[in-house]
Amino acid sequence: DRKPHMEALCHILNGFSEVRIFKAYNVDEAYYMLSSHHIHLFLVDII
């Protein structure tokens, strides 16, 4: 949910090849992404 943390993680993950990053800032956005794409790894903030 926090933009600075999201940007920091995206910056780190952009170094991986053959990886596509999807972002969700809340539960509703997360469910929308799940309905549109098959996800192979989840990074989830507990809070």
ModelCIF file with pLDDT and N, C-alpha, C, O atoms, coordinates in Angstrom:
data_MODEL
#
_entry.id   MODEL 
#
_entity.id                         1 
_entity.type                       polymer 
_entity.pdbx_number_of_molecules   1 
#
_entity_poly.entity_id                      1 
_entity_poly.type                           'polypeptide(L)' 
_entity_poly.nstd_linkage                   no 
_entity_poly.nstd_monomer                   no 
_entity_poly.pdbx_seq_one_letter_code       DRKPHMEALCHILNGFSEVRIFKAYNVDEAYYMLSSHHIHLFLVDII 
_entity_poly.pdbx_seq_one_letter_code_can   DRKPHMEALCHILNGFSEVRIFKAYNVDEAYYMLSSHHIHLFLVDII 
_entity_poly.pdbx_strand_id                 A 
#
loop_
_entity_poly_seq.entity_id 
_entity_poly_seq.num 
_entity_poly_seq.mon_id 
_entity_poly_seq.hetero 
1 1  ASP n 
1 2  ARG n 
1 3  LYS n 
1 4  PRO n 
1 5  HIS n 
1 6  MET n 
1 7  GLU n 
1 8  ALA n 
1 9  LEU n 
1 10 CYS n 
1 11 HIS n 
1 12 ILE n 
1 13 LEU n 
1 14 ASN n 
1 15 GLY n 
1 16 PHE n 
1 17 SER n 
1 18 GLU n 
1 19 VAL n 
1 20 ARG n 
1 21 ILE n 
1 22 PHE n 
1 23 LYS n 
1 24 ALA n 
1 25 TYR n 
1 26 ASN n 
1 27 VAL n 
1 28 ASP n 
1 29 GLU n 
1 30 ALA n 
1 31 TYR n 
1 32 TYR n 
1 33 MET n 
1 34 LEU n 
1 35 SER n 
1 36 SER n 
1 37 HIS n 
1 38 HIS n 
1 39 ILE n 
1 40 HIS n 
1 41 LEU n 
1 42 PHE n 
1 43 LEU n 
1 44 VAL n 
1 45 ASP n 
1 46 ILE n 
1 47 ILE n 
#
_struct_asym.id          A 
_struct_asym.entity_id   1 
#
loop_
_ma_qa_metric.id 
_ma_qa_metric.mode 
_ma_qa_metric.name 
_ma_qa_metric.software_group_id 
_ma_qa_metric.type 
1 global pLDDT . pLDDT 
2 local  pLDDT . pLDDT 
#
_ma_qa_metric_global.metric_id      1 
_ma_qa_metric_global.metric_value   88.72 
_ma_qa_metric_global.model_id       1 
_ma_qa_metric_global.ordinal_id     1 
#
loop_
_ma_qa_metric_local.label_asym_id 
_ma_qa_metric_local.label_comp_id 
_ma_qa_metric_local.label_seq_id 
_ma_qa_metric_local.metric_id 
_ma_qa_metric_local.metric_value 
_ma_qa_metric_local.model_id 
_ma_qa_metric_local.ordinal_id 
A ASP 1  2 91.00 1 1  
A ARG 2  2 91.00 1 2  
A LYS 3  2 93.00 1 3  
A PRO 4  2 94.00 1 4  
A HIS 5  2 94.00 1 5  
A MET 6  2 95.00 1 6  
A GLU 7  2 96.00 1 7  
A ALA 8  2 96.00 1 8  
A LEU 9  2 96.00 1 9  
A CYS 10 2 96.00 1 10 
A HIS 11 2 95.00 1 11 
A ILE 12 2 95.00 1 12 
A LEU 13 2 95.00 1 13 
A ASN 14 2 92.00 1 14 
A GLY 15 2 87.00 1 15 
A PHE 16 2 92.00 1 16 
A SER 17 2 88.00 1 17 
A GLU 18 2 85.00 1 18 
A VAL 19 2 92.00 1 19 
A ARG 20 2 90.00 1 20 
A ILE 21 2 94.00 1 21 
A PHE 22 2 93.00 1 22 
A LYS 23 2 94.00 1 23 
A ALA 24 2 93.00 1 24 
A TYR 25 2 92.00 1 25 
A ASN 26 2 87.00 1 26 
A VAL 27 2 83.00 1 27 
A ASP 28 2 83.00 1 28 
A GLU 29 2 87.00 1 29 
A ALA 30 2 87.00 1 30 
A TYR 31 2 82.00 1 31 
A TYR 32 2 76.00 1 32 
A MET 33 2 81.00 1 33 
A LEU 34 2 78.00 1 34 
A SER 35 2 67.00 1 35 
A SER 36 2 67.00 1 36 
A HIS 37 2 76.00 1 37 
A HIS 38 2 82.00 1 38 
A ILE 39 2 89.00 1 39 
A HIS 40 2 92.00 1 40 
A LEU 41 2 95.00 1 41 
A PHE 42 2 96.00 1 42 
A LEU 43 2 96.00 1 43 
A VAL 44 2 93.00 1 44 
A ASP 45 2 90.00 1 45 
A ILE 46 2 84.00 1 46 
A ILE 47 2 80.00 1 47 
#
loop_
_atom_site.group_PDB 
_atom_site.id 
_atom_site.type_symbol 
_atom_site.label_atom_id 
_atom_site.label_alt_id 
_atom_site.label_comp_id 
_atom_site.label_asym_id 
_atom_site.label_entity_id 
_atom_site.label_seq_id 
_atom_site.pdbx_PDB_ins_code 
_atom_site.Cartn_x 
_atom_site.Cartn_y 
_atom_site.Cartn_z 
_atom_site.occupancy 
_atom_site.B_iso_or_equiv 
_atom_site.pdbx_formal_charge 
_atom_site.auth_seq_id 
_atom_site.auth_comp_id 
_atom_site.auth_asym_id 
_atom_site.auth_atom_id 
_atom_site.pdbx_PDB_model_num 
ATOM 1   N N  . ASP A 1 1  ? 0.799  -1.228  0.000   1.00 91.00 ? 1  ASP A N  1 
ATOM 2   C CA . ASP A 1 1  ? 0.000  0.000   0.000   1.00 91.00 ? 1  ASP A CA 1 
ATOM 3   C C  . ASP A 1 1  ? 0.830  1.276   0.000   1.00 91.00 ? 1  ASP A C  1 
ATOM 4   O O  . ASP A 1 1  ? 0.307  2.343   -0.321  1.00 91.00 ? 1  ASP A O  1 
ATOM 5   N N  . ARG A 1 2  ? 2.104  1.196   0.349   1.00 91.00 ? 2  ARG A N  1 
ATOM 6   C CA . ARG A 1 2  ? 2.923  2.406   0.433   1.00 91.00 ? 2  ARG A CA 1 
ATOM 7   C C  . ARG A 1 2  ? 3.785  2.556   -0.818  1.00 91.00 ? 2  ARG A C  1 
ATOM 8   O O  . ARG A 1 2  ? 4.575  1.675   -1.159  1.00 91.00 ? 2  ARG A O  1 
ATOM 9   N N  . LYS A 1 3  ? 3.613  3.699   -1.496  1.00 93.00 ? 3  LYS A N  1 
ATOM 10  C CA . LYS A 1 3  ? 4.276  3.929   -2.780  1.00 93.00 ? 3  LYS A CA 1 
ATOM 11  C C  . LYS A 1 3  ? 5.800  3.858   -2.702  1.00 93.00 ? 3  LYS A C  1 
ATOM 12  O O  . LYS A 1 3  ? 6.409  3.250   -3.582  1.00 93.00 ? 3  LYS A O  1 
ATOM 13  N N  . PRO A 1 4  ? 6.449  4.451   -1.688  1.00 94.00 ? 4  PRO A N  1 
ATOM 14  C CA . PRO A 1 4  ? 7.923  4.362   -1.631  1.00 94.00 ? 4  PRO A CA 1 
ATOM 15  C C  . PRO A 1 4  ? 8.422  2.918   -1.547  1.00 94.00 ? 4  PRO A C  1 
ATOM 16  O O  . PRO A 1 4  ? 9.426  2.570   -2.169  1.00 94.00 ? 4  PRO A O  1 
ATOM 17  N N  . HIS A 1 5  ? 7.717  2.074   -0.774  1.00 94.00 ? 5  HIS A N  1 
ATOM 18  C CA . HIS A 1 5  ? 8.111  0.669   -0.672  1.00 94.00 ? 5  HIS A CA 1 
ATOM 19  C C  . HIS A 1 5  ? 7.871  -0.065  -1.986  1.00 94.00 ? 5  HIS A C  1 
ATOM 20  O O  . HIS A 1 5  ? 8.673  -0.906  -2.393  1.00 94.00 ? 5  HIS A O  1 
ATOM 21  N N  . MET A 1 6  ? 6.753  0.260   -2.650  1.00 95.00 ? 6  MET A N  1 
ATOM 22  C CA . MET A 1 6  ? 6.456  -0.346  -3.947  1.00 95.00 ? 6  MET A CA 1 
ATOM 23  C C  . MET A 1 6  ? 7.547  0.006   -4.956  1.00 95.00 ? 6  MET A C  1 
ATOM 24  O O  . MET A 1 6  ? 8.045  -0.864  -5.669  1.00 95.00 ? 6  MET A O  1 
ATOM 25  N N  . GLU A 1 7  ? 7.913  1.281   -5.011  1.00 96.00 ? 7  GLU A N  1 
ATOM 26  C CA . GLU A 1 7  ? 8.928  1.722   -5.970  1.00 96.00 ? 7  GLU A CA 1 
ATOM 27  C C  . GLU A 1 7  ? 10.283 1.081   -5.682  1.00 96.00 ? 7  GLU A C  1 
ATOM 28  O O  . GLU A 1 7  ? 11.019 0.731   -6.604  1.00 96.00 ? 7  GLU A O  1 
ATOM 29  N N  . ALA A 1 8  ? 10.606 0.929   -4.407  1.00 96.00 ? 8  ALA A N  1 
ATOM 30  C CA . ALA A 1 8  ? 11.888 0.317   -4.028  1.00 96.00 ? 8  ALA A CA 1 
ATOM 31  C C  . ALA A 1 8  ? 11.938 -1.141  -4.476  1.00 96.00 ? 8  ALA A C  1 
ATOM 32  O O  . ALA A 1 8  ? 12.956 -1.593  -4.999  1.00 96.00 ? 8  ALA A O  1 
ATOM 33  N N  . LEU A 1 9  ? 10.846 -1.882  -4.275  1.00 96.00 ? 9  LEU A N  1 
ATOM 34  C CA . LEU A 1 9  ? 10.800 -3.289  -4.684  1.00 96.00 ? 9  LEU A CA 1 
ATOM 35  C C  . LEU A 1 9  ? 10.851 -3.424  -6.200  1.00 96.00 ? 9  LEU A C  1 
ATOM 36  O O  . LEU A 1 9  ? 11.550 -4.290  -6.727  1.00 96.00 ? 9  LEU A O  1 
ATOM 37  N N  . CYS A 1 10 ? 10.112 -2.569  -6.900  1.00 96.00 ? 10 CYS A N  1 
ATOM 38  C CA . CYS A 1 10 ? 10.124 -2.612  -8.368  1.00 96.00 ? 10 CYS A CA 1 
ATOM 39  C C  . CYS A 1 10 ? 11.525 -2.338  -8.901  1.00 96.00 ? 10 CYS A C  1 
ATOM 40  O O  . CYS A 1 10 ? 11.966 -2.975  -9.858  1.00 96.00 ? 10 CYS A O  1 
ATOM 41  N N  . HIS A 1 11 ? 12.215 -1.402  -8.289  1.00 95.00 ? 11 HIS A N  1 
ATOM 42  C CA . HIS A 1 11 ? 13.588 -1.079  -8.710  1.00 95.00 ? 11 HIS A CA 1 
ATOM 43  C C  . HIS A 1 11 ? 14.490 -2.303  -8.562  1.00 95.00 ? 11 HIS A C  1 
ATOM 44  O O  . HIS A 1 11 ? 15.301 -2.590  -9.443  1.00 95.00 ? 11 HIS A O  1 
ATOM 45  N N  . ILE A 1 12 ? 14.350 -3.019  -7.455  1.00 95.00 ? 12 ILE A N  1 
ATOM 46  C CA . ILE A 1 12 ? 15.166 -4.217  -7.223  1.00 95.00 ? 12 ILE A CA 1 
ATOM 47  C C  . ILE A 1 12 ? 14.820 -5.313  -8.217  1.00 95.00 ? 12 ILE A C  1 
ATOM 48  O O  . ILE A 1 12 ? 15.712 -5.952  -8.775  1.00 95.00 ? 12 ILE A O  1 
ATOM 49  N N  . LEU A 1 13 ? 13.528 -5.532  -8.441  1.00 95.00 ? 13 LEU A N  1 
ATOM 50  C CA . LEU A 1 13 ? 13.086 -6.637  -9.297  1.00 95.00 ? 13 LEU A CA 1 
ATOM 51  C C  . LEU A 1 13 ? 13.321 -6.373  -10.775 1.00 95.00 ? 13 LEU A C  1 
ATOM 52  O O  . LEU A 1 13 ? 13.383 -7.311  -11.571 1.00 95.00 ? 13 LEU A O  1 
ATOM 53  N N  . ASN A 1 14 ? 13.452 -5.110  -11.149 1.00 92.00 ? 14 ASN A N  1 
ATOM 54  C CA . ASN A 1 14 ? 13.715 -4.782  -12.558 1.00 92.00 ? 14 ASN A CA 1 
ATOM 55  C C  . ASN A 1 14 ? 15.049 -5.343  -13.033 1.00 92.00 ? 14 ASN A C  1 
ATOM 56  O O  . ASN A 1 14 ? 15.316 -5.390  -14.234 1.00 92.00 ? 14 ASN A O  1 
ATOM 57  N N  . GLY A 1 15 ? 15.885 -5.765  -12.094 1.00 87.00 ? 15 GLY A N  1 
ATOM 58  C CA . GLY A 1 15 ? 17.161 -6.343  -12.468 1.00 87.00 ? 15 GLY A CA 1 
ATOM 59  C C  . GLY A 1 15 ? 17.074 -7.787  -12.927 1.00 87.00 ? 15 GLY A C  1 
ATOM 60  O O  . GLY A 1 15 ? 18.055 -8.343  -13.419 1.00 87.00 ? 15 GLY A O  1 
ATOM 61  N N  . PHE A 1 16 ? 15.884 -8.408  -12.767 1.00 92.00 ? 16 PHE A N  1 
ATOM 62  C CA . PHE A 1 16 ? 15.702 -9.801  -13.192 1.00 92.00 ? 16 PHE A CA 1 
ATOM 63  C C  . PHE A 1 16 ? 15.240 -9.851  -14.649 1.00 92.00 ? 16 PHE A C  1 
ATOM 64  O O  . PHE A 1 16 ? 14.401 -9.056  -15.071 1.00 92.00 ? 16 PHE A O  1 
ATOM 65  N N  . SER A 1 17 ? 15.791 -10.786 -15.403 1.00 88.00 ? 17 SER A N  1 
ATOM 66  C CA . SER A 1 17 ? 15.343 -10.963 -16.785 1.00 88.00 ? 17 SER A CA 1 
ATOM 67  C C  . SER A 1 17 ? 14.115 -11.865 -16.818 1.00 88.00 ? 17 SER A C  1 
ATOM 68  O O  . SER A 1 17 ? 13.910 -12.669 -15.909 1.00 88.00 ? 17 SER A O  1 
ATOM 69  N N  . GLU A 1 18 ? 13.305 -11.736 -17.850 1.00 85.00 ? 18 GLU A N  1 
ATOM 70  C CA . GLU A 1 18 ? 12.104 -12.547 -18.059 1.00 85.00 ? 18 GLU A CA 1 
ATOM 71  C C  . GLU A 1 18 ? 11.166 -12.501 -16.843 1.00 85.00 ? 18 GLU A C  1 
ATOM 72  O O  . GLU A 1 18 ? 10.617 -13.516 -16.415 1.00 85.00 ? 18 GLU A O  1 
ATOM 73  N N  . VAL A 1 19 ? 11.008 -11.317 -16.320 1.00 92.00 ? 19 VAL A N  1 
ATOM 74  C CA . VAL A 1 19 ? 10.088 -11.096 -15.203 1.00 92.00 ? 19 VAL A CA 1 
ATOM 75  C C  . VAL A 1 19 ? 9.158  -9.946  -15.558 1.00 92.00 ? 19 VAL A C  1 
ATOM 76  O O  . VAL A 1 19 ? 9.602  -8.913  -16.058 1.00 92.00 ? 19 VAL A O  1 
ATOM 77  N N  . ARG A 1 20 ? 7.883  -10.126 -15.302 1.00 90.00 ? 20 ARG A N  1 
ATOM 78  C CA . ARG A 1 20 ? 6.882  -9.082  -15.531 1.00 90.00 ? 20 ARG A CA 1 
ATOM 79  C C  . ARG A 1 20 ? 6.278  -8.714  -14.173 1.00 90.00 ? 20 ARG A C  1 
ATOM 80  O O  . ARG A 1 20 ? 5.786  -9.585  -13.456 1.00 90.00 ? 20 ARG A O  1 
ATOM 81  N N  . ILE A 1 21 ? 6.315  -7.442  -13.826 1.00 94.00 ? 21 ILE A N  1 
ATOM 82  C CA . ILE A 1 21 ? 5.887  -6.996  -12.500 1.00 94.00 ? 21 ILE A CA 1 
ATOM 83  C C  . ILE A 1 21 ? 4.503  -6.356  -12.576 1.00 94.00 ? 21 ILE A C  1 
ATOM 84  O O  . ILE A 1 21 ? 4.253  -5.477  -13.401 1.00 94.00 ? 21 ILE A O  1 
ATOM 85  N N  . PHE A 1 22 ? 3.613  -6.813  -11.703 1.00 93.00 ? 22 PHE A N  1 
ATOM 86  C CA . PHE A 1 22 ? 2.290  -6.217  -11.562 1.00 93.00 ? 22 PHE A CA 1 
ATOM 87  C C  . PHE A 1 22 ? 2.175  -5.621  -10.162 1.00 93.00 ? 22 PHE A C  1 
ATOM 88  O O  . PHE A 1 22 ? 2.684  -6.183  -9.192  1.00 93.00 ? 22 PHE A O  1 
ATOM 89  N N  . LYS A 1 23 ? 1.499  -4.475  -10.071 1.00 94.00 ? 23 LYS A N  1 
ATOM 90  C CA . LYS A 1 23 ? 1.417  -3.753  -8.800  1.00 94.00 ? 23 LYS A CA 1 
ATOM 91  C C  . LYS A 1 23 ? -0.028 -3.626  -8.332  1.00 94.00 ? 23 LYS A C  1 
ATOM 92  O O  . LYS A 1 23 ? -0.931 -3.356  -9.124  1.00 94.00 ? 23 LYS A O  1 
ATOM 93  N N  . ALA A 1 24 ? -0.232 -3.826  -7.038  1.00 93.00 ? 24 ALA A N  1 
ATOM 94  C CA . ALA A 1 24 ? -1.552 -3.622  -6.425  1.00 93.00 ? 24 ALA A CA 1 
ATOM 95  C C  . ALA A 1 24 ? -1.332 -2.905  -5.101  1.00 93.00 ? 24 ALA A C  1 
ATOM 96  O O  . ALA A 1 24 ? -0.553 -3.341  -4.254  1.00 93.00 ? 24 ALA A O  1 
ATOM 97  N N  . TYR A 1 25 ? -2.045 -1.787  -4.947  1.00 92.00 ? 25 TYR A N  1 
ATOM 98  C CA . TYR A 1 25 ? -1.888 -0.992  -3.731  1.00 92.00 ? 25 TYR A CA 1 
ATOM 99  C C  . TYR A 1 25 ? -2.944 -1.324  -2.674  1.00 92.00 ? 25 TYR A C  1 
ATOM 100 O O  . TYR A 1 25 ? -2.872 -0.844  -1.542  1.00 92.00 ? 25 TYR A O  1 
ATOM 101 N N  . ASN A 1 26 ? -3.915 -2.143  -3.050  1.00 87.00 ? 26 ASN A N  1 
ATOM 102 C CA . ASN A 1 26 ? -4.961 -2.522  -2.101  1.00 87.00 ? 26 ASN A CA 1 
ATOM 103 C C  . ASN A 1 26 ? -5.552 -3.873  -2.506  1.00 87.00 ? 26 ASN A C  1 
ATOM 104 O O  . ASN A 1 26 ? -5.177 -4.447  -3.528  1.00 87.00 ? 26 ASN A O  1 
ATOM 105 N N  . VAL A 1 27 ? -6.469 -4.362  -1.696  1.00 83.00 ? 27 VAL A N  1 
ATOM 106 C CA . VAL A 1 27 ? -7.063 -5.683  -1.912  1.00 83.00 ? 27 VAL A CA 1 
ATOM 107 C C  . VAL A 1 27 ? -7.821 -5.757  -3.232  1.00 83.00 ? 27 VAL A C  1 
ATOM 108 O O  . VAL A 1 27 ? -7.696 -6.738  -3.963  1.00 83.00 ? 27 VAL A O  1 
ATOM 109 N N  . ASP A 1 28 ? -8.609 -4.722  -3.543  1.00 83.00 ? 28 ASP A N  1 
ATOM 110 C CA . ASP A 1 28 ? -9.406 -4.726  -4.778  1.00 83.00 ? 28 ASP A CA 1 
ATOM 111 C C  . ASP A 1 28 ? -8.514 -4.811  -6.013  1.00 83.00 ? 28 ASP A C  1 
ATOM 112 O O  . ASP A 1 28 ? -8.805 -5.564  -6.943  1.00 83.00 ? 28 ASP A O  1 
ATOM 113 N N  . GLU A 1 29 ? -7.430 -4.038  -6.022  1.00 87.00 ? 29 GLU A N  1 
ATOM 114 C CA . GLU A 1 29 ? -6.511 -4.077  -7.159  1.00 87.00 ? 29 GLU A CA 1 
ATOM 115 C C  . GLU A 1 29 ? -5.843 -5.448  -7.264  1.00 87.00 ? 29 GLU A C  1 
ATOM 116 O O  . GLU A 1 29 ? -5.591 -5.940  -8.364  1.00 87.00 ? 29 GLU A O  1 
ATOM 117 N N  . ALA A 1 30 ? -5.563 -6.051  -6.127  1.00 87.00 ? 30 ALA A N  1 
ATOM 118 C CA . ALA A 1 30 ? -4.941 -7.383  -6.124  1.00 87.00 ? 30 ALA A CA 1 
ATOM 119 C C  . ALA A 1 30 ? -5.859 -8.420  -6.756  1.00 87.00 ? 30 ALA A C  1 
ATOM 120 O O  . ALA A 1 30 ? -5.418 -9.236  -7.564  1.00 87.00 ? 30 ALA A O  1 
ATOM 121 N N  . TYR A 1 31 ? -7.136 -8.389  -6.386  1.00 82.00 ? 31 TYR A N  1 
ATOM 122 C CA . TYR A 1 31 ? -8.087 -9.352  -6.953  1.00 82.00 ? 31 TYR A CA 1 
ATOM 123 C C  . TYR A 1 31 ? -8.264 -9.124  -8.452  1.00 82.00 ? 31 TYR A C  1 
ATOM 124 O O  . TYR A 1 31 ? -8.446 -10.078 -9.209  1.00 82.00 ? 31 TYR A O  1 
ATOM 125 N N  . TYR A 1 32 ? -8.213 -7.867  -8.881  1.00 76.00 ? 32 TYR A N  1 
ATOM 126 C CA . TYR A 1 32 ? -8.334 -7.571  -10.314 1.00 76.00 ? 32 TYR A CA 1 
ATOM 127 C C  . TYR A 1 32 ? -7.144 -8.175  -11.068 1.00 76.00 ? 32 TYR A C  1 
ATOM 128 O O  . TYR A 1 32 ? -7.324 -8.776  -12.127 1.00 76.00 ? 32 TYR A O  1 
ATOM 129 N N  . MET A 1 33 ? -5.941 -8.020  -10.532 1.00 81.00 ? 33 MET A N  1 
ATOM 130 C CA . MET A 1 33 ? -4.752 -8.586  -11.170 1.00 81.00 ? 33 MET A CA 1 
ATOM 131 C C  . MET A 1 33 ? -4.842 -10.107 -11.242 1.00 81.00 ? 33 MET A C  1 
ATOM 132 O O  . MET A 1 33 ? -4.449 -10.712 -12.240 1.00 81.00 ? 33 MET A O  1 
ATOM 133 N N  . LEU A 1 34 ? -5.357 -10.718 -10.190 1.00 78.00 ? 34 LEU A N  1 
ATOM 134 C CA . LEU A 1 34 ? -5.488 -12.177 -10.160 1.00 78.00 ? 34 LEU A CA 1 
ATOM 135 C C  . LEU A 1 34 ? -6.466 -12.677 -11.214 1.00 78.00 ? 34 LEU A C  1 
ATOM 136 O O  . LEU A 1 34 ? -6.298 -13.767 -11.761 1.00 78.00 ? 34 LEU A O  1 
ATOM 137 N N  . SER A 1 35 ? -7.496 -11.869 -11.499 1.00 67.00 ? 35 SER A N  1 
ATOM 138 C CA . SER A 1 35 ? -8.491 -12.270 -12.498 1.00 67.00 ? 35 SER A CA 1 
ATOM 139 C C  . SER A 1 35 ? -7.993 -12.062 -13.927 1.00 67.00 ? 35 SER A C  1 
ATOM 140 O O  . SER A 1 35 ? -8.563 -12.609 -14.872 1.00 67.00 ? 35 SER A O  1 
ATOM 141 N N  . SER A 1 36 ? -6.929 -11.272 -14.084 1.00 67.00 ? 36 SER A N  1 
ATOM 142 C CA . SER A 1 36 ? -6.436 -10.925 -15.418 1.00 67.00 ? 36 SER A CA 1 
ATOM 143 C C  . SER A 1 36 ? -5.154 -11.657 -15.808 1.00 67.00 ? 36 SER A C  1 
ATOM 144 O O  . SER A 1 36 ? -4.861 -11.789 -16.997 1.00 67.00 ? 36 SER A O  1 
ATOM 145 N N  . HIS A 1 37 ? -4.384 -12.135 -14.824 1.00 76.00 ? 37 HIS A N  1 
ATOM 146 C CA . HIS A 1 37 ? -3.082 -12.729 -15.116 1.00 76.00 ? 37 HIS A CA 1 
ATOM 147 C C  . HIS A 1 37 ? -2.825 -13.927 -14.210 1.00 76.00 ? 37 HIS A C  1 
ATOM 148 O O  . HIS A 1 37 ? -3.369 -14.033 -13.110 1.00 76.00 ? 37 HIS A O  1 
ATOM 149 N N  . HIS A 1 38 ? -1.982 -14.822 -14.706 1.00 82.00 ? 38 HIS A N  1 
ATOM 150 C CA . HIS A 1 38 ? -1.544 -15.943 -13.869 1.00 82.00 ? 38 HIS A CA 1 
ATOM 151 C C  . HIS A 1 38 ? -0.259 -15.506 -13.172 1.00 82.00 ? 38 HIS A C  1 
ATOM 152 O O  . HIS A 1 38 ? 0.719  -15.150 -13.830 1.00 82.00 ? 38 HIS A O  1 
ATOM 153 N N  . ILE A 1 39 ? -0.262 -15.533 -11.857 1.00 89.00 ? 39 ILE A N  1 
ATOM 154 C CA . ILE A 1 39 ? 0.866  -15.040 -11.074 1.00 89.00 ? 39 ILE A CA 1 
ATOM 155 C C  . ILE A 1 39 ? 1.742  -16.210 -10.619 1.00 89.00 ? 39 ILE A C  1 
ATOM 156 O O  . ILE A 1 39 ? 1.240  -17.257 -10.210 1.00 89.00 ? 39 ILE A O  1 
ATOM 157 N N  . HIS A 1 40 ? 3.065  -16.009 -10.701 1.00 92.00 ? 40 HIS A N  1 
ATOM 158 C CA . HIS A 1 40 ? 4.016  -17.064 -10.345 1.00 92.00 ? 40 HIS A CA 1 
ATOM 159 C C  . HIS A 1 40 ? 4.722  -16.794 -9.019  1.00 92.00 ? 40 HIS A C  1 
ATOM 160 O O  . HIS A 1 40 ? 5.337  -17.696 -8.450  1.00 92.00 ? 40 HIS A O  1 
ATOM 161 N N  . LEU A 1 41 ? 4.639  -15.566 -8.528  1.00 95.00 ? 41 LEU A N  1 
ATOM 162 C CA . LEU A 1 41 ? 5.242  -15.207 -7.237  1.00 95.00 ? 41 LEU A CA 1 
ATOM 163 C C  . LEU A 1 41 ? 4.502  -14.008 -6.664  1.00 95.00 ? 41 LEU A C  1 
ATOM 164 O O  . LEU A 1 41 ? 4.242  -13.029 -7.363  1.00 95.00 ? 41 LEU A O  1 
ATOM 165 N N  . PHE A 1 42 ? 4.167  -14.102 -5.378  1.00 96.00 ? 42 PHE A N  1 
ATOM 166 C CA . PHE A 1 42 ? 3.493  -13.007 -4.678  1.00 96.00 ? 42 PHE A CA 1 
ATOM 167 C C  . PHE A 1 42 ? 4.437  -12.381 -3.658  1.00 96.00 ? 42 PHE A C  1 
ATOM 168 O O  . PHE A 1 42 ? 5.090  -13.089 -2.891  1.00 96.00 ? 42 PHE A O  1 
ATOM 169 N N  . LEU A 1 43 ? 4.506  -11.048 -3.652  1.00 96.00 ? 43 LEU A N  1 
ATOM 170 C CA . LEU A 1 43 ? 5.158  -10.297 -2.591  1.00 96.00 ? 43 LEU A CA 1 
ATOM 171 C C  . LEU A 1 43 ? 4.053  -9.491  -1.906  1.00 96.00 ? 43 LEU A C  1 
ATOM 172 O O  . LEU A 1 43 ? 3.481  -8.588  -2.517  1.00 96.00 ? 43 LEU A O  1 
ATOM 173 N N  . VAL A 1 44 ? 3.751  -9.805  -0.661  1.00 93.00 ? 44 VAL A N  1 
ATOM 174 C CA . VAL A 1 44 ? 2.556  -9.262  -0.013  1.00 93.00 ? 44 VAL A CA 1 
ATOM 175 C C  . VAL A 1 44 ? 2.901  -8.599  1.312   1.00 93.00 ? 44 VAL A C  1 
ATOM 176 O O  . VAL A 1 44 ? 3.496  -9.219  2.194   1.00 93.00 ? 44 VAL A O  1 
ATOM 177 N N  . ASP A 1 45 ? 2.523  -7.338  1.440   1.00 90.00 ? 45 ASP A N  1 
ATOM 178 C CA . ASP A 1 45 ? 2.669  -6.642  2.719   1.00 90.00 ? 45 ASP A CA 1 
ATOM 179 C C  . ASP A 1 45 ? 1.580  -7.137  3.668   1.00 90.00 ? 45 ASP A C  1 
ATOM 180 O O  . ASP A 1 45 ? 0.405  -7.162  3.302   1.00 90.00 ? 45 ASP A O  1 
ATOM 181 N N  . ILE A 1 46 ? 1.958  -7.529  4.873   1.00 84.00 ? 46 ILE A N  1 
ATOM 182 C CA . ILE A 1 46 ? 0.967  -8.020  5.828   1.00 84.00 ? 46 ILE A CA 1 
ATOM 183 C C  . ILE A 1 46 ? -0.017 -6.920  6.203   1.00 84.00 ? 46 ILE A C  1 
ATOM 184 O O  . ILE A 1 46 ? -1.212 -7.179  6.346   1.00 84.00 ? 46 ILE A O  1 
ATOM 185 N N  . ILE A 1 47 ? 0.480  -5.680  6.364   1.00 80.00 ? 47 ILE A N  1 
ATOM 186 C CA . ILE A 1 47 ? -0.384 -4.558  6.747   1.00 80.00 ? 47 ILE A CA 1 
ATOM 187 C C  . ILE A 1 47 ? -0.679 -3.738  5.503   1.00 80.00 ? 47 ILE A C  1 
ATOM 188 O O  . ILE A 1 47 ? -1.391 -2.737  5.578   1.00 80.00 ? 47 ILE A O  1 
#
